[in-house]
Amino acid sequence: MIEAIEPLMTALQSEAAAAPAIEPSAAAALAVGLAAFGAGYAERGIGAAAMGAIAEDEDLFVNGLILTVLPETLVILALVVVFLV
């Protein structure tokens, strides 16, 4: 009985190994979504610290703005990669 099933199992395993796990468009969406989630998570702490610094000294506004916007470059780079591929 096992001898009859073995060729079928071999064929199914070779076919499954050749197929991608998810579609390319789904992989691109997942990559951009994870990059956006990471940027939002980073901005959470940076934004709070920047607002505290600006409340104490208004001259730190530009520094706080730059540091708050920096994580968004992750999302921009992810979108660039998705549209170039």
C-alpha atoms as a PDB file:
ATOM      1  CA  MET A   1       0.000   0.000   0.000  1.00  0.00           C
ATOM      2  CA  ILE A   2       2.782   2.419   0.893  1.00  0.00           C
ATOM      3  CA  GLU A   3       4.490   1.722  -2.429  1.00  0.00           C
ATOM      4  CA  ALA A   4       1.358   2.922  -4.257  1.00  0.00           C
ATOM      5  CA  ILE A   5       1.162   6.193  -2.296  1.00  0.00           C
ATOM      6  CA  GLU A   6       4.873   7.035  -2.448  1.00  0.00           C
ATOM      7  CA  PRO A   7       4.927   8.395  -6.075  1.00  0.00           C
ATOM      8  CA  LEU A   8       1.906  10.573  -5.318  1.00  0.00           C
ATOM      9  CA  MET A   9       3.506  11.980  -2.170  1.00  0.00           C
ATOM     10  CA  THR A  10       6.748  12.701  -4.027  1.00  0.00           C
ATOM     11  CA  ALA A  11       4.857  14.558  -6.750  1.00  0.00           C
ATOM     12  CA  LEU A  12       2.891  16.613  -4.229  1.00  0.00           C
ATOM     13  CA  GLN A  13       6.006  17.522  -2.246  1.00  0.00           C
ATOM     14  CA  SER A  14       7.921  18.674  -5.324  1.00  0.00           C
ATOM     15  CA  GLU A  15       4.944  20.746  -6.490  1.00  0.00           C
ATOM     16  CA  ALA A  16       4.479  22.353  -3.071  1.00  0.00           C
ATOM     17  CA  ALA A  17       8.177  23.214  -2.784  1.00  0.00           C
ATOM     18  CA  ALA A  18       8.112  25.075  -6.103  1.00  0.00           C
ATOM     19  CA  ALA A  19       5.105  27.248  -5.258  1.00  0.00           C
ATOM     20  CA  PRO A  20       5.552  30.478  -3.281  1.00  0.00           C
ATOM     21  CA  ALA A  21       3.976  30.689   0.151  1.00  0.00           C
ATOM     22  CA  ILE A  22       1.983  33.852  -0.673  1.00  0.00           C
ATOM     23  CA  GLU A  23       1.277  35.911  -3.764  1.00  0.00           C
ATOM     24  CA  PRO A  24       3.818  38.653  -4.647  1.00  0.00           C
ATOM     25  CA  SER A  25       1.242  41.422  -4.210  1.00  0.00           C
ATOM     26  CA  ALA A  26       0.338  40.091  -0.761  1.00  0.00           C
ATOM     27  CA  ALA A  27       4.022  39.968   0.177  1.00  0.00           C
ATOM     28  CA  ALA A  28       4.451  43.592  -0.933  1.00  0.00           C
ATOM     29  CA  ALA A  29       1.422  44.667   1.094  1.00  0.00           C
ATOM     30  CA  LEU A  30       2.743  42.805   4.119  1.00  0.00           C
ATOM     31  CA  ALA A  31       6.153  44.475   3.767  1.00  0.00           C
ATOM     32  CA  VAL A  32       4.684  47.980   3.578  1.00  0.00           C
ATOM     33  CA  GLY A  33       2.287  47.253   6.431  1.00  0.00           C
ATOM     34  CA  LEU A  34       5.051  45.996   8.704  1.00  0.00           C
ATOM     35  CA  ALA A  35       7.218  48.997   7.826  1.00  0.00           C
ATOM     36  CA  ALA A  36       4.335  51.345   8.661  1.00  0.00           C
ATOM     37  CA  PHE A  37       3.689  49.529  11.934  1.00  0.00           C
ATOM     38  CA  GLY A  38       7.372  49.796  12.875  1.00  0.00           C
ATOM     39  CA  ALA A  39       7.469  53.477  12.004  1.00  0.00           C
ATOM     40  CA  GLY A  40       4.361  54.159  14.076  1.00  0.00           C
ATOM     41  CA  TYR A  41       5.806  52.267  17.004  1.00  0.00           C
ATOM     42  CA  ALA A  42       9.026  54.291  16.797  1.00  0.00           C
ATOM     43  CA  GLU A  43       7.186  57.592  16.443  1.00  0.00           C
ATOM     44  CA  ARG A  44       5.174  56.891  19.577  1.00  0.00           C
ATOM     45  CA  GLY A  45       8.166  57.281  21.863  1.00  0.00           C
ATOM     46  CA  ILE A  46       9.928  59.915  19.799  1.00  0.00           C
ATOM     47  CA  GLY A  47       6.839  62.122  19.586  1.00  0.00           C
ATOM     48  CA  ALA A  48       6.249  62.033  23.320  1.00  0.00           C
ATOM     49  CA  ALA A  49       9.869  62.897  24.062  1.00  0.00           C
ATOM     50  CA  ALA A  50       9.898  65.646  21.438  1.00  0.00           C
ATOM     51  CA  MET A  51       6.750  67.254  22.853  1.00  0.00           C
ATOM     52  CA  GLY A  52       8.251  67.189  26.336  1.00  0.00           C
ATOM     53  CA  ALA A  53      11.445  68.796  25.085  1.00  0.00           C
ATOM     54  CA  ILE A  54       9.548  71.457  23.133  1.00  0.00           C
ATOM     55  CA  ALA A  55       7.428  72.248  26.191  1.00  0.00           C
ATOM     56  CA  GLU A  56      10.605  73.039  28.120  1.00  0.00           C
ATOM     57  CA  ASP A  57      12.510  74.807  25.338  1.00  0.00           C
ATOM     58  CA  GLU A  58      10.848  76.043  22.128  1.00  0.00           C
ATOM     59  CA  ASP A  59      14.193  76.154  20.318  1.00  0.00           C
ATOM     60  CA  LEU A  60      14.115  72.351  20.122  1.00  0.00           C
ATOM     61  CA  PHE A  61      11.134  72.361  17.737  1.00  0.00           C
ATOM     62  CA  VAL A  62      13.190  71.710  14.597  1.00  0.00           C
ATOM     63  CA  ASN A  63      15.162  68.901  16.235  1.00  0.00           C
ATOM     64  CA  GLY A  64      11.953  67.300  17.508  1.00  0.00           C
ATOM     65  CA  LEU A  65      10.312  67.601  14.093  1.00  0.00           C
ATOM     66  CA  ILE A  66      13.267  65.994  12.313  1.00  0.00           C
ATOM     67  CA  LEU A  67      13.470  63.151  14.800  1.00  0.00           C
ATOM     68  CA  THR A  68       9.723  62.561  14.568  1.00  0.00           C
ATOM     69  CA  VAL A  69       9.748  62.403  10.774  1.00  0.00           C
ATOM     70  CA  LEU A  70      12.808  60.131  10.468  1.00  0.00           C
ATOM     71  CA  PRO A  71      10.967  56.818  11.045  1.00  0.00           C
ATOM     72  CA  GLU A  72       8.574  57.656   8.204  1.00  0.00           C
ATOM     73  CA  THR A  73      11.464  57.198   5.791  1.00  0.00           C
ATOM     74  CA  LEU A  74      11.072  53.456   6.443  1.00  0.00           C
ATOM     75  CA  VAL A  75       7.606  53.533   4.926  1.00  0.00           C
ATOM     76  CA  ILE A  76       8.721  55.696   2.009  1.00  0.00           C
ATOM     77  CA  LEU A  77      11.585  53.326   1.232  1.00  0.00           C
ATOM     78  CA  ALA A  78       9.236  50.331   1.459  1.00  0.00           C
ATOM     79  CA  LEU A  79       6.855  51.983  -1.012  1.00  0.00           C
ATOM     80  CA  VAL A  80       9.733  52.780  -3.368  1.00  0.00           C
ATOM     81  CA  VAL A  81      10.851  49.150  -3.317  1.00  0.00           C
ATOM     82  CA  VAL A  82       7.302  47.920  -3.957  1.00  0.00           C
ATOM     83  CA  PHE A  83       6.791  50.179  -6.954  1.00  0.00           C
ATOM     84  CA  LEU A  84      10.201  49.444  -8.445  1.00  0.00           C
ATOM     85  CA  VAL A  85       9.751  45.683  -8.340  1.00  0.00           C
END
